[in-house]
Amino acid sequence: MAVFVASIVGCIWLIVVAQRYADPPLPVTGPQVMKVPVTRPPKPDKSP
């Protein structure tokens, strides 16, 4: 039972920390479906 309670507390703690320190959104251009880009980003240049 203690392992189950510790697991639930750990999950709640991770959710709270994830909401407090959210990653900044990436700049996305182009069409999206449910905030997910539907096209691939352009390949970066291979110049040095």
Protein backbone atom coordinates (compact mmCIF):
# COMPACT_ATOMS: atom_id res chain seq x y z
CA MET A 1 0.00 0.00 0.00
CA ALA A 2 2.85 2.39 0.78
CA VAL A 3 4.31 1.92 -2.70
CA PHE A 4 0.96 2.77 -4.29
CA VAL A 5 0.57 5.95 -2.22
CA ALA A 6 4.15 7.00 -2.97
CA SER A 7 3.52 6.45 -6.67
CA ILE A 8 0.39 8.61 -6.66
CA VAL A 9 2.13 11.36 -4.68
CA GLY A 10 5.03 11.27 -7.14
CA CYS A 11 2.65 11.61 -10.09
CA ILE A 12 0.91 14.58 -8.51
CA TRP A 13 4.26 16.20 -7.73
CA LEU A 14 5.42 15.79 -11.36
CA ILE A 15 2.20 17.37 -12.65
CA VAL A 16 2.59 20.36 -10.32
CA VAL A 17 6.25 20.86 -11.27
CA ALA A 18 5.45 20.52 -14.99
CA GLN A 19 2.79 23.22 -14.77
CA ARG A 20 4.99 25.56 -12.76
CA TYR A 21 7.99 25.30 -15.10
CA ALA A 22 6.34 24.90 -18.48
CA ASP A 23 8.51 25.01 -21.60
CA PRO A 24 8.07 28.10 -23.78
CA PRO A 25 6.16 27.36 -26.97
CA LEU A 26 8.16 26.93 -30.14
CA PRO A 27 7.55 29.33 -33.00
CA VAL A 28 5.47 27.34 -35.47
CA THR A 29 4.35 28.60 -38.85
CA GLY A 30 2.13 26.89 -41.35
CA PRO A 31 -0.95 24.74 -41.07
CA GLN A 32 -1.74 23.02 -37.79
CA VAL A 33 -4.25 20.44 -36.58
CA MET A 34 -4.96 20.63 -32.83
CA LYS A 35 -1.76 22.71 -32.37
CA VAL A 36 0.35 20.04 -34.11
CA PRO A 37 2.18 21.08 -37.30
CA VAL A 38 1.15 19.09 -40.35
CA THR A 39 4.29 19.88 -42.38
CA ARG A 40 7.94 19.16 -41.67
CA PRO A 41 10.27 22.04 -40.80
CA PRO A 42 12.83 22.98 -43.47
CA LYS A 43 16.18 21.20 -43.27
CA PRO A 44 19.01 23.32 -41.82
CA ASP A 45 21.89 24.43 -44.03
CA LYS A 46 24.98 22.23 -43.84
CA SER A 47 27.37 25.14 -44.39
CA PRO A 48 30.04 25.59 -41.70
